[in-house]
C-alpha atoms as a PDB file:
ATOM      1  CA  ARG A   1     -93.699  89.363  57.885  1.00  0.00           C
ATOM      2  CA  ALA A   2     -90.008  89.572  58.711  1.00  0.00           C
ATOM      3  CA  ILE A   3     -86.892  87.417  58.519  1.00  0.00           C
ATOM      4  CA  TYR A   4     -83.586  87.771  60.393  1.00  0.00           C
ATOM      5  CA  ILE A   5     -80.696  86.087  58.545  1.00  0.00           C
ATOM      6  CA  GLN A   6     -77.383  85.756  60.363  1.00  0.00           C
ATOM      7  CA  GLY A   7     -74.264  84.436  58.634  1.00  0.00           C
ATOM      8  CA  GLU A   8     -76.086  82.823  55.703  1.00  0.00           C
ATOM      9  CA  ASP A   9     -76.465  83.783  52.045  1.00  0.00           C
ATOM     10  CA  ILE A  10     -79.732  82.054  51.195  1.00  0.00           C
ATOM     11  CA  LEU A  11     -80.147  83.789  47.844  1.00  0.00           C
ATOM     12  CA  GLN A  12     -77.001  82.217  46.434  1.00  0.00           C
ATOM     13  CA  SER A  13     -76.927  78.946  48.389  1.00  0.00           C
ATOM     14  CA  ASP A  14     -80.557  77.770  48.383  1.00  0.00           C
ATOM     15  CA  PRO A  15     -82.118  76.019  45.371  1.00  0.00           C
ATOM     16  CA  ASN A  16     -84.482  77.687  42.900  1.00  0.00           C
ATOM     17  CA  THR A  17     -83.139  81.237  43.175  1.00  0.00           C
ATOM     18  CA  HIS A  18     -86.251  82.720  41.536  1.00  0.00           C
ATOM     19  CA  HIS A  19     -88.377  81.323  44.363  1.00  0.00           C
ATOM     20  CA  VAL A  20     -85.997  82.614  47.062  1.00  0.00           C
ATOM     21  CA  ALA A  21     -85.801  86.085  45.491  1.00  0.00           C
ATOM     22  CA  ALA A  22     -89.591  86.304  45.245  1.00  0.00           C
ATOM     23  CA  GLY A  23     -89.898  85.351  48.909  1.00  0.00           C
ATOM     24  CA  LEU A  24     -87.371  87.984  50.005  1.00  0.00           C
ATOM     25  CA  LYS A  25     -89.071  90.662  47.904  1.00  0.00           C
ATOM     26  CA  ALA A  26     -92.415  89.799  49.508  1.00  0.00           C
ATOM     27  CA  MET A  27     -91.075  90.336  53.041  1.00  0.00           C
ATOM     28  CA  GLU A  28     -92.025  93.478  54.915  1.00  0.00           C
ATOM     29  CA  CYS A  29     -88.682  93.455  56.725  1.00  0.00           C
ATOM     30  CA  VAL A  30     -85.471  91.594  55.848  1.00  0.00           C
ATOM     31  CA  ILE A  31     -82.579  91.888  58.332  1.00  0.00           C
ATOM     32  CA  VAL A  32     -79.182  90.527  57.286  1.00  0.00           C
ATOM     33  CA  GLN A  33     -76.252  90.284  59.697  1.00  0.00           C
ATOM     34  CA  ASP A  34     -72.983  89.259  58.073  1.00  0.00           C
ATOM     35  CA  LEU A  35     -69.322  90.096  57.627  1.00  0.00           C
ATOM     36  CA  PHE A  36     -69.873  91.243  54.051  1.00  0.00           C
ATOM     37  CA  LEU A  37     -72.670  92.551  51.871  1.00  0.00           C
ATOM     38  CA  ASN A  38     -73.570  89.163  50.428  1.00  0.00           C
ATOM     39  CA  GLU A  39     -76.159  88.535  47.719  1.00  0.00           C
ATOM     40  CA  THR A  40     -79.035  88.174  50.190  1.00  0.00           C
ATOM     41  CA  ALA A  41     -78.159  91.641  51.490  1.00  0.00           C
ATOM     42  CA  ASN A  42     -79.355  93.045  48.155  1.00  0.00           C
ATOM     43  CA  TYR A  43     -82.878  92.396  49.449  1.00  0.00           C
ATOM     44  CA  ALA A  44     -82.264  93.620  53.006  1.00  0.00           C
ATOM     45  CA  HIS A  45     -84.093  96.556  54.531  1.00  0.00           C
ATOM     46  CA  ILE A  46     -81.558  96.537  57.386  1.00  0.00           C
ATOM     47  CA  PHE A  47     -77.946  95.334  57.285  1.00  0.00           C
ATOM     48  CA  LEU A  48     -76.146  94.665  60.573  1.00  0.00           C
ATOM     49  CA  PRO A  49     -72.350  94.175  60.383  1.00  0.00           C
ATOM     50  CA  GLY A  50     -71.025  90.902  61.773  1.00  0.00           C
ATOM     51  CA  SER A  51     -67.779  90.240  63.629  1.00  0.00           C
ATOM     52  CA  THR A  52     -65.046  87.741  62.767  1.00  0.00           C
ATOM     53  CA  PHE A  53     -63.762  84.931  64.983  1.00  0.00           C
ATOM     54  CA  LEU A  54     -60.840  87.199  65.883  1.00  0.00           C
ATOM     55  CA  GLU A  55     -63.226  89.787  67.329  1.00  0.00           C
ATOM     56  CA  LYS A  56     -65.332  87.745  69.745  1.00  0.00           C
ATOM     57  CA  ASP A  57     -65.250  85.313  72.633  1.00  0.00           C
ATOM     58  CA  GLY A  58     -67.294  82.131  72.480  1.00  0.00           C
ATOM     59  CA  THR A  59     -67.061  78.471  71.522  1.00  0.00           C
ATOM     60  CA  PHE A  60     -66.959  76.342  68.399  1.00  0.00           C
ATOM     61  CA  THR A  61     -68.284  72.772  68.417  1.00  0.00           C
ATOM     62  CA  ASN A  62     -66.958  70.647  65.558  1.00  0.00           C
ATOM     63  CA  ALA A  63     -68.027  67.365  63.969  1.00  0.00           C
ATOM     64  CA  GLU A  64     -65.883  65.496  66.505  1.00  0.00           C
ATOM     65  CA  ARG A  65     -68.285  66.829  69.181  1.00  0.00           C
ATOM     66  CA  ARG A  66     -65.378  68.864  70.543  1.00  0.00           C
ATOM     67  CA  ILE A  67     -66.322  72.121  72.275  1.00  0.00           C
ATOM     68  CA  GLN A  68     -63.457  74.607  72.021  1.00  0.00           C
ATOM     69  CA  PRO A  69     -63.153  78.117  73.437  1.00  0.00           C
ATOM     70  CA  VAL A  70     -62.486  81.045  71.117  1.00  0.00           C
ATOM     71  CA  ARG A  71     -60.806  84.154  72.504  1.00  0.00           C
ATOM     72  CA  LYS A  72     -60.863  87.496  70.767  1.00  0.00           C
ATOM     73  CA  VAL A  73     -57.572  89.177  69.922  1.00  0.00           C
ATOM     74  CA  MET A  74     -59.080  92.559  69.074  1.00  0.00           C
ATOM     75  CA  GLU A  75     -62.238  94.519  69.715  1.00  0.00           C
ATOM     76  CA  PRO A  76     -64.943  94.259  67.025  1.00  0.00           C
ATOM     77  CA  ALA A  77     -64.392  96.864  64.336  1.00  0.00           C
ATOM     78  CA  ASN A  78     -68.141  97.454  64.209  1.00  0.00           C
ATOM     79  CA  GLY A  79     -68.321  98.000  67.975  1.00  0.00           C
ATOM     80  CA  TYR A  80     -70.278  94.862  68.860  1.00  0.00           C
ATOM     81  CA  ALA A  81     -69.785  91.100  68.821  1.00  0.00           C
ATOM     82  CA  ASP A  82     -72.491  89.084  67.057  1.00  0.00           C
ATOM     83  CA  TRP A  83     -74.202  88.044  70.297  1.00  0.00           C
ATOM     84  CA  GLU A  84     -74.350  91.676  71.406  1.00  0.00           C
ATOM     85  CA  VAL A  85     -76.025  92.712  68.148  1.00  0.00           C
ATOM     86  CA  THR A  86     -78.586  89.927  68.575  1.00  0.00           C
ATOM     87  CA  GLN A  87     -79.212  90.994  72.167  1.00  0.00           C
ATOM     88  CA  LEU A  88     -79.716  94.623  71.144  1.00  0.00           C
ATOM     89  CA  LEU A  89     -82.262  93.484  68.575  1.00  0.00           C
ATOM     90  CA  ALA A  90     -83.991  91.251  71.137  1.00  0.00           C
ATOM     91  CA  ASN A  91     -84.218  94.071  73.646  1.00  0.00           C
ATOM     92  CA  ALA A  92     -85.629  96.374  70.987  1.00  0.00           C
ATOM     93  CA  LEU A  93     -88.463  93.821  70.957  1.00  0.00           C
ATOM     94  CA  ASP A  94     -88.766  94.105  74.772  1.00  0.00           C
ATOM     95  CA  LEU A  95     -87.357  90.643  75.501  1.00  0.00           C
ATOM     96  CA  GLY A  96     -85.184  91.863  78.366  1.00  0.00           C
ATOM     97  CA  TRP A  97     -81.994  89.896  77.699  1.00  0.00           C
ATOM     98  CA  THR A  98     -79.219  90.766  80.176  1.00  0.00           C
ATOM     99  CA  TYR A  99     -76.151  88.782  79.115  1.00  0.00           C
ATOM    100  CA  THR A 100     -72.823  90.497  79.694  1.00  0.00           C
ATOM    101  CA  HIS A 101     -70.469  87.748  78.445  1.00  0.00           C
ATOM    102  CA  PRO A 102     -70.718  84.619  76.243  1.00  0.00           C
ATOM    103  CA  SER A 103     -69.974  82.507  79.331  1.00  0.00           C
ATOM    104  CA  GLN A 104     -73.482  83.314  80.574  1.00  0.00           C
ATOM    105  CA  ILE A 105     -74.958  82.103  77.302  1.00  0.00           C
ATOM    106  CA  LEU A 106     -72.940  78.885  77.644  1.00  0.00           C
ATOM    107  CA  ASP A 107     -74.273  78.473  81.202  1.00  0.00           C
ATOM    108  CA  GLU A 108     -77.820  78.659  79.846  1.00  0.00           C
ATOM    109  CA  ILE A 109     -77.015  76.073  77.172  1.00  0.00           C
ATOM    110  CA  ALA A 110     -75.622  73.777  79.890  1.00  0.00           C
ATOM    111  CA  ARG A 111     -78.786  74.163  81.976  1.00  0.00           C
ATOM    112  CA  LEU A 112     -81.076  73.333  79.067  1.00  0.00           C
ATOM    113  CA  THR A 113     -79.028  70.734  77.155  1.00  0.00           C
ATOM    114  CA  PRO A 114     -78.228  67.475  79.014  1.00  0.00           C
ATOM    115  CA  SER A 115     -75.252  66.667  76.764  1.00  0.00           C
ATOM    116  CA  PHE A 116     -73.671  70.015  77.771  1.00  0.00           C
ATOM    117  CA  ALA A 117     -74.580  69.786  81.471  1.00  0.00           C
ATOM    118  CA  GLY A 118     -70.968  69.653  82.670  1.00  0.00           C
ATOM    119  CA  VAL A 119     -69.616  72.317  80.306  1.00  0.00           C
ATOM    120  CA  SER A 120     -68.655  75.742  81.612  1.00  0.00           C
ATOM    121  CA  TRP A 121     -66.414  78.596  80.525  1.00  0.00           C
ATOM    122  CA  PRO A 122     -63.945  78.179  83.443  1.00  0.00           C
ATOM    123  CA  ARG A 123     -63.655  74.468  82.695  1.00  0.00           C
ATOM    124  CA  LEU A 124     -62.967  75.061  79.002  1.00  0.00           C
ATOM    125  CA  GLU A 125     -60.368  77.662  79.932  1.00  0.00           C
ATOM    126  CA  ARG A 126     -58.746  75.140  82.253  1.00  0.00           C
ATOM    127  CA  GLU A 127     -58.962  71.972  80.139  1.00  0.00           C
ATOM    128  CA  GLY A 128     -58.819  73.424  76.629  1.00  0.00           C
ATOM    129  CA  SER A 129     -61.718  71.442  75.168  1.00  0.00           C
ATOM    130  CA  LEU A 130     -64.417  68.894  75.979  1.00  0.00           C
ATOM    131  CA  GLN A 131     -66.306  66.399  73.863  1.00  0.00           C
ATOM    132  CA  TRP A 132     -70.006  66.091  74.525  1.00  0.00           C
ATOM    133  CA  PRO A 133     -71.859  64.471  76.113  1.00  0.00           C
ATOM    134  CA  VAL A 134     -70.444  65.904  79.340  1.00  0.00           C
ATOM    135  CA  LYS A 135     -72.933  64.646  81.910  1.00  0.00           C
ATOM    136  CA  ASP A 136     -71.895  66.768  84.901  1.00  0.00           C
ATOM    137  CA  GLU A 137     -69.050  68.852  86.297  1.00  0.00           C
ATOM    138  CA  THR A 138     -67.036  65.748  87.255  1.00  0.00           C
ATOM    139  CA  HIS A 139     -67.563  63.908  83.947  1.00  0.00           C
ATOM    140  CA  GLU A 140     -64.501  64.000  81.693  1.00  0.00           C
ATOM    141  CA  GLY A 141     -66.511  64.053  78.483  1.00  0.00           C
ATOM    142  CA  SER A 142     -66.896  61.396  75.800  1.00  0.00           C
ATOM    143  CA  PRO A 143     -63.982  61.031  73.366  1.00  0.00           C
ATOM    144  CA  ILE A 144     -65.650  57.861  72.039  1.00  0.00           C
ATOM    145  CA  MET A 145     -69.396  57.405  71.779  1.00  0.00           C
ATOM    146  CA  HIS A 146     -71.138  54.079  72.447  1.00  0.00           C
ATOM    147  CA  VAL A 147     -68.125  52.321  74.020  1.00  0.00           C
ATOM    148  CA  ASP A 148     -70.131  49.593  75.747  1.00  0.00           C
ATOM    149  CA  GLY A 149     -73.283  49.780  73.655  1.00  0.00           C
ATOM    150  CA  PHE A 150     -75.826  52.070  72.080  1.00  0.00           C
ATOM    151  CA  VAL A 151     -77.998  54.323  74.222  1.00  0.00           C
ATOM    152  CA  ARG A 152     -81.076  52.456  73.011  1.00  0.00           C
ATOM    153  CA  GLY A 153     -79.514  49.054  73.714  1.00  0.00           C
ATOM    154  CA  LYS A 154     -78.853  47.128  70.526  1.00  0.00           C
ATOM    155  CA  GLY A 155     -78.389  48.977  67.281  1.00  0.00           C
ATOM    156  CA  LYS A 156     -81.475  49.296  65.111  1.00  0.00           C
ATOM    157  CA  PHE A 157     -81.303  48.732  61.375  1.00  0.00           C
ATOM    158  CA  VAL A 158     -84.194  49.919  59.248  1.00  0.00           C
ATOM    159  CA  VAL A 159     -84.777  48.657  55.727  1.00  0.00           C
ATOM    160  CA  THR A 160     -86.108  51.370  53.440  1.00  0.00           C
ATOM    161  CA  ASP A 161     -87.359  51.207  49.903  1.00  0.00           C
ATOM    162  CA  TYR A 162     -85.472  53.039  47.185  1.00  0.00           C
ATOM    163  CA  VAL A 163     -87.309  56.263  46.394  1.00  0.00           C
ATOM    164  CA  PRO A 164     -86.233  57.696  43.024  1.00  0.00           C
ATOM    165  CA  THR A 165     -86.132  61.408  42.403  1.00  0.00           C
ATOM    166  CA  ASP A 166     -89.088  63.117  40.771  1.00  0.00           C
ATOM    167  CA  GLU A 167     -86.638  65.010  38.564  1.00  0.00           C
ATOM    168  CA  LYS A 168     -86.488  63.292  35.174  1.00  0.00           C
ATOM    169  CA  THR A 169     -84.577  63.923  31.979  1.00  0.00           C
ATOM    170  CA  GLY A 170     -86.444  64.065  28.689  1.00  0.00           C
ATOM    171  CA  PRO A 171     -86.324  65.528  25.178  1.00  0.00           C
ATOM    172  CA  ARG A 172     -86.468  69.104  26.481  1.00  0.00           C
ATOM    173  CA  PHE A 173     -83.889  68.643  29.258  1.00  0.00           C
ATOM    174  CA  PRO A 174     -81.809  65.564  28.359  1.00  0.00           C
ATOM    175  CA  LEU A 175     -78.774  66.123  30.623  1.00  0.00           C
ATOM    176  CA  LEU A 176     -78.307  65.831  34.382  1.00  0.00           C
ATOM    177  CA  LEU A 177     -76.610  68.697  36.219  1.00  0.00           C
ATOM    178  CA  THR A 178     -74.751  68.120  39.462  1.00  0.00           C
ATOM    179  CA  THR A 179     -73.255  71.009  41.444  1.00  0.00           C
ATOM    180  CA  GLY A 180     -70.483  71.139  44.015  1.00  0.00           C
ATOM    181  CA  ARG A 181     -67.518  73.001  45.437  1.00  0.00           C
ATOM    182  CA  ILE A 182     -63.893  73.553  44.506  1.00  0.00           C
ATOM    183  CA  LEU A 183     -60.947  73.593  46.918  1.00  0.00           C
ATOM    184  CA  SER A 184     -60.018  77.274  46.579  1.00  0.00           C
ATOM    185  CA  GLN A 185     -63.512  78.643  47.273  1.00  0.00           C
ATOM    186  CA  TYR A 186     -65.696  78.172  50.345  1.00  0.00           C
ATOM    187  CA  ASN A 187     -69.434  77.664  49.861  1.00  0.00           C
ATOM    188  CA  VAL A 188     -70.892  80.677  48.013  1.00  0.00           C
ATOM    189  CA  GLY A 189     -67.532  82.469  48.141  1.00  0.00           C
ATOM    190  CA  ALA A 190     -68.706  85.463  50.190  1.00  0.00           C
ATOM    191  CA  GLN A 191     -65.364  85.393  52.004  1.00  0.00           C
ATOM    192  CA  THR A 192     -62.958  83.617  49.643  1.00  0.00           C
ATOM    193  CA  ARG A 193     -63.918  85.676  46.569  1.00  0.00           C
ATOM    194  CA  ARG A 194     -62.424  88.641  48.422  1.00  0.00           C
ATOM    195  CA  THR A 195     -59.000  86.984  48.611  1.00  0.00           C
ATOM    196  CA  GLY A 196     -56.248  85.948  46.233  1.00  0.00           C
ATOM    197  CA  ASN A 197     -58.002  82.586  45.857  1.00  0.00           C
ATOM    198  CA  THR A 198     -59.790  83.987  42.827  1.00  0.00           C
ATOM    199  CA  ALA A 199     -56.527  83.482  40.923  1.00  0.00           C
ATOM    200  CA  TRP A 200     -57.285  79.752  40.990  1.00  0.00           C
ATOM    201  CA  HIS A 201     -61.032  79.947  40.460  1.00  0.00           C
ATOM    202  CA  PRO A 202     -62.128  83.303  39.002  1.00  0.00           C
ATOM    203  CA  GLU A 203     -65.449  82.051  37.624  1.00  0.00           C
ATOM    204  CA  ASP A 204     -67.857  79.131  37.633  1.00  0.00           C
ATOM    205  CA  LEU A 205     -67.317  76.830  34.646  1.00  0.00           C
ATOM    206  CA  LEU A 206     -69.590  74.152  33.214  1.00  0.00           C
ATOM    207  CA  GLU A 207     -67.842  70.820  32.757  1.00  0.00           C
ATOM    208  CA  ILE A 208     -69.243  68.845  29.824  1.00  0.00           C
ATOM    209  CA  HIS A 209     -68.207  65.552  28.227  1.00  0.00           C
ATOM    210  CA  PRO A 210     -66.639  65.746  24.721  1.00  0.00           C
ATOM    211  CA  THR A 211     -69.490  63.719  23.199  1.00  0.00           C
ATOM    212  CA  ASP A 212     -72.178  66.042  24.575  1.00  0.00           C
ATOM    213  CA  ALA A 213     -70.140  69.082  23.523  1.00  0.00           C
ATOM    214  CA  GLU A 214     -69.671  67.769  19.973  1.00  0.00           C
ATOM    215  CA  ASN A 215     -73.388  67.022  19.643  1.00  0.00           C
ATOM    216  CA  ARG A 216     -74.075  70.683  20.449  1.00  0.00           C
ATOM    217  CA  GLY A 217     -71.277  72.198  18.393  1.00  0.00           C
ATOM    218  CA  LEU A 218     -69.439  73.482  21.466  1.00  0.00           C
ATOM    219  CA  LYS A 219     -65.734  74.184  21.832  1.00  0.00           C
ATOM    220  CA  ASP A 220     -63.708  74.577  24.999  1.00  0.00           C
ATOM    221  CA  GLY A 221     -64.242  78.065  26.441  1.00  0.00           C
ATOM    222  CA  ASP A 222     -67.509  78.745  24.587  1.00  0.00           C
ATOM    223  CA  TRP A 223     -70.271  80.616  26.379  1.00  0.00           C
ATOM    224  CA  VAL A 224     -73.270  78.362  26.904  1.00  0.00           C
ATOM    225  CA  LYS A 225     -76.782  78.715  28.246  1.00  0.00           C
ATOM    226  CA  LEU A 226     -77.627  76.298  31.055  1.00  0.00           C
ATOM    227  CA  SER A 227     -81.416  75.855  31.218  1.00  0.00           C
ATOM    228  CA  SER A 228     -83.837  73.901  33.401  1.00  0.00           C
ATOM    229  CA  ARG A 229     -87.562  74.078  34.082  1.00  0.00           C
ATOM    230  CA  THR A 230     -86.910  76.640  36.869  1.00  0.00           C
ATOM    231  CA  GLY A 231     -84.542  79.051  35.133  1.00  0.00           C
ATOM    232  CA  GLU A 232     -81.451  79.634  33.041  1.00  0.00           C
ATOM    233  CA  THR A 233     -77.996  81.158  33.297  1.00  0.00           C
ATOM    234  CA  THR A 234     -74.888  81.488  31.138  1.00  0.00           C
ATOM    235  CA  LEU A 235     -71.295  80.510  31.817  1.00  0.00           C
ATOM    236  CA  ARG A 236     -68.289  79.222  29.938  1.00  0.00           C
ATOM    237  CA  ALA A 237     -67.902  75.543  29.074  1.00  0.00           C
ATOM    238  CA  THR A 238     -64.867  73.403  29.725  1.00  0.00           C
ATOM    239  CA  ILE A 239     -64.742  70.105  27.850  1.00  0.00           C
ATOM    240  CA  THR A 240     -63.479  67.217  29.949  1.00  0.00           C
ATOM    241  CA  GLU A 241     -63.820  63.495  30.475  1.00  0.00           C
ATOM    242  CA  ARG A 242     -64.033  64.059  34.239  1.00  0.00           C
ATOM    243  CA  VAL A 243     -67.806  63.911  33.787  1.00  0.00           C
ATOM    244  CA  ALA A 244     -69.708  61.055  32.183  1.00  0.00           C
ATOM    245  CA  PRO A 245     -71.733  61.464  28.987  1.00  0.00           C
ATOM    246  CA  GLY A 246     -75.149  62.844  29.848  1.00  0.00           C
ATOM    247  CA  VAL A 247     -73.876  64.602  32.991  1.00  0.00           C
ATOM    248  CA  VAL A 248     -72.649  68.190  33.403  1.00  0.00           C
ATOM    249  CA  TYR A 249     -71.106  69.789  36.474  1.00  0.00           C
ATOM    250  CA  THR A 250     -70.557  73.287  37.815  1.00  0.00           C
ATOM    251  CA  THR A 251     -69.796  75.129  41.049  1.00  0.00           C
ATOM    252  CA  PHE A 252     -71.920  77.796  42.749  1.00  0.00           C
ATOM    253  CA  HIS A 253     -69.288  80.187  44.119  1.00  0.00           C
ATOM    254  CA  HIS A 254     -69.856  83.242  41.904  1.00  0.00           C
ATOM    255  CA  PRO A 255     -72.962  85.459  41.937  1.00  0.00           C
ATOM    256  CA  ALA A 256     -72.401  86.404  38.298  1.00  0.00           C
ATOM    257  CA  THR A 257     -73.474  82.856  37.443  1.00  0.00           C
ATOM    258  CA  GLN A 258     -76.103  82.187  40.134  1.00  0.00           C
ATOM    259  CA  ALA A 259     -75.981  78.453  39.413  1.00  0.00           C
ATOM    260  CA  ASN A 260     -78.905  77.754  41.746  1.00  0.00           C
ATOM    261  CA  VAL A 261     -81.236  79.640  39.444  1.00  0.00           C
ATOM    262  CA  VAL A 262     -81.551  76.314  37.595  1.00  0.00           C
ATOM    263  CA  THR A 263     -81.820  73.916  40.562  1.00  0.00           C
ATOM    264  CA  THR A 264     -85.258  72.772  41.661  1.00  0.00           C
ATOM    265  CA  GLU A 265     -87.323  72.604  44.837  1.00  0.00           C
ATOM    266  CA  TYR A 266     -87.120  68.799  44.967  1.00  0.00           C
ATOM    267  CA  SER A 267     -85.537  67.393  48.121  1.00  0.00           C
ATOM    268  CA  ASP A 268     -84.594  64.059  49.643  1.00  0.00           C
ATOM    269  CA  TRP A 269     -87.587  62.348  51.239  1.00  0.00           C
ATOM    270  CA  ALA A 270     -85.687  61.394  54.421  1.00  0.00           C
ATOM    271  CA  THR A 271     -83.463  64.418  55.143  1.00  0.00           C
ATOM    272  CA  ASN A 272     -85.211  67.157  53.127  1.00  0.00           C
ATOM    273  CA  CYS A 273     -81.800  68.092  51.718  1.00  0.00           C
ATOM    274  CA  PRO A 274     -82.256  69.845  48.346  1.00  0.00           C
ATOM    275  CA  GLU A 275     -81.409  67.776  45.279  1.00  0.00           C
ATOM    276  CA  TYR A 276     -78.477  69.900  44.165  1.00  0.00           C
ATOM    277  CA  LYS A 277     -76.974  66.832  42.501  1.00  0.00           C
ATOM    278  CA  VAL A 278     -79.892  65.931  40.230  1.00  0.00           C
ATOM    279  CA  THR A 279     -81.322  68.606  37.918  1.00  0.00           C
ATOM    280  CA  ALA A 280     -82.501  67.940  34.362  1.00  0.00           C
ATOM    281  CA  VAL A 281     -80.977  70.566  32.055  1.00  0.00           C
ATOM    282  CA  GLN A 282     -80.198  71.473  28.469  1.00  0.00           C
ATOM    283  CA  ILE A 283     -77.042  73.153  27.152  1.00  0.00           C
ATOM    284  CA  THR A 284     -77.081  75.457  24.126  1.00  0.00           C
ATOM    285  CA  PRO A 285     -74.620  77.995  22.665  1.00  0.00           C
ATOM    286  CA  SER A 286     -75.017  81.528  24.039  1.00  0.00           C
ATOM    287  CA  ASN A 287     -73.953  85.015  23.010  1.00  0.00           C
ATOM    288  CA  GLY A 288     -74.449  86.739  26.342  1.00  0.00           C
ATOM    289  CA  PRO A 289     -76.060  86.818  29.771  1.00  0.00           C
ATOM    290  CA  THR A 290     -79.659  85.782  30.324  1.00  0.00           C
ATOM    291  CA  ASP A 291     -82.421  88.250  31.144  1.00  0.00           C
ATOM    292  CA  TRP A 292     -82.256  87.064  34.759  1.00  0.00           C
ATOM    293  CA  GLN A 293     -78.531  87.808  34.996  1.00  0.00           C
ATOM    294  CA  GLU A 294     -78.949  91.286  33.498  1.00  0.00           C
ATOM    295  CA  ASP A 295     -81.914  92.098  35.755  1.00  0.00           C
ATOM    296  CA  TYR A 296     -80.136  90.780  38.831  1.00  0.00           C
ATOM    297  CA  ASN A 297     -76.928  92.701  38.097  1.00  0.00           C
ATOM    298  CA  SER A 298     -78.968  95.893  37.744  1.00  0.00           C
ATOM    299  CA  TRP A 299     -80.813  95.156  40.995  1.00  0.00           C
ATOM    300  CA  SER A 300     -77.527  94.439  42.761  1.00  0.00           C
ATOM    301  CA  GLU A 301     -75.963  97.713  41.616  1.00  0.00           C
ATOM    302  CA  ARG A 302     -78.964  99.707  42.840  1.00  0.00           C
ATOM    303  CA  SER A 303     -78.993  97.849  46.157  1.00  0.00           C
ATOM    304  CA  ARG A 304     -75.306  98.518  46.784  1.00  0.00           C
ATOM    305  CA  ARG A 305     -75.353 102.233  46.035  1.00  0.00           C
ATOM    306  CA  ILE A 306     -74.571 102.910  49.716  1.00  0.00           C
ATOM    307  CA  VAL A 307     -71.270 101.049  49.282  1.00  0.00           C
ATOM    308  CA  ALA A 308     -70.394 103.137  46.239  1.00  0.00           C
ATOM    309  CA  ASN A 309     -71.177 106.326  48.158  1.00  0.00           C
ATOM    310  CA  LEU A 310     -69.083 105.265  51.153  1.00  0.00           C
ATOM    311  CA  THR A 311     -66.182 104.315  48.880  1.00  0.00           C
ATOM    312  CA  ALA A 312     -66.334 107.703  47.167  1.00  0.00           C
ATOM    313  CA  GLU A 313     -66.431 109.510  50.516  1.00  0.00           C
ATOM    314  CA  ALA A 314     -63.440 107.512  51.762  1.00  0.00           C
ATOM    315  CA  ALA A 315     -61.487 108.428  48.627  1.00  0.00           C
ATOM    316  CA  GLU A 316     -62.149 112.108  49.260  1.00  0.00           C
END
């Protein structure tokens, strides 16, 4: 049983961290390919270095459906662009891939994907960008979708019943936790925590309403334990009326907190998106890190011993 994870930190970003960690530990082979040694890399048997957008040719397709070329300005510091690393791995499995440039990969996408049929590397170089669907080589693309009507004809509206979450508050976990992001950090912070942005957001904080804080004897800046039925973590509290009574909020950018250790496996019935916004929790005063945090920090230090050795060698 093996898993190949490219450009994703599932340990820190997915819900129910205990479950994710157990799954990674059970794998016979975990391969992580990324720019940095992220938290998932602590469980990797093999780490493959990634390349930045400045080190590779290719395309980005954004939410506007705009396909844009990306041109490298320097050779990859690790010697290979991401697609080359993936091809080397594929050929180690006897798949016989023979790409020599990302343009060939784009050609294959165009052959197999009708909405990209008219997209090619020379055309992107010439025109700058295209918005799919691009039906053929003469089609100018589709800046606006559904100009004259929907593909299916008339639009279809579907009435659905409200399906409440299975996550409920109660005497043991009377508060609702919602998690989110902050402007100065991006997702789990694997990149932005390595920049000066930490001056604005050096740690995850738990926002709690003054009424809920007073009921628990908490002051601004106190260390608190955040507990749910899946796990617990500690972080500092900030008392604010930005959140409503009965609701607490925190971010998930810092591995020292591992906020997703308390989120659950529940997901939306229609999209299967995890319910990061609805977790029943309790808040209590704390004097230090949880057992999970101490165990994980120890595991992380052992896993990253190669980095410590390389740093020491570089210093010499």
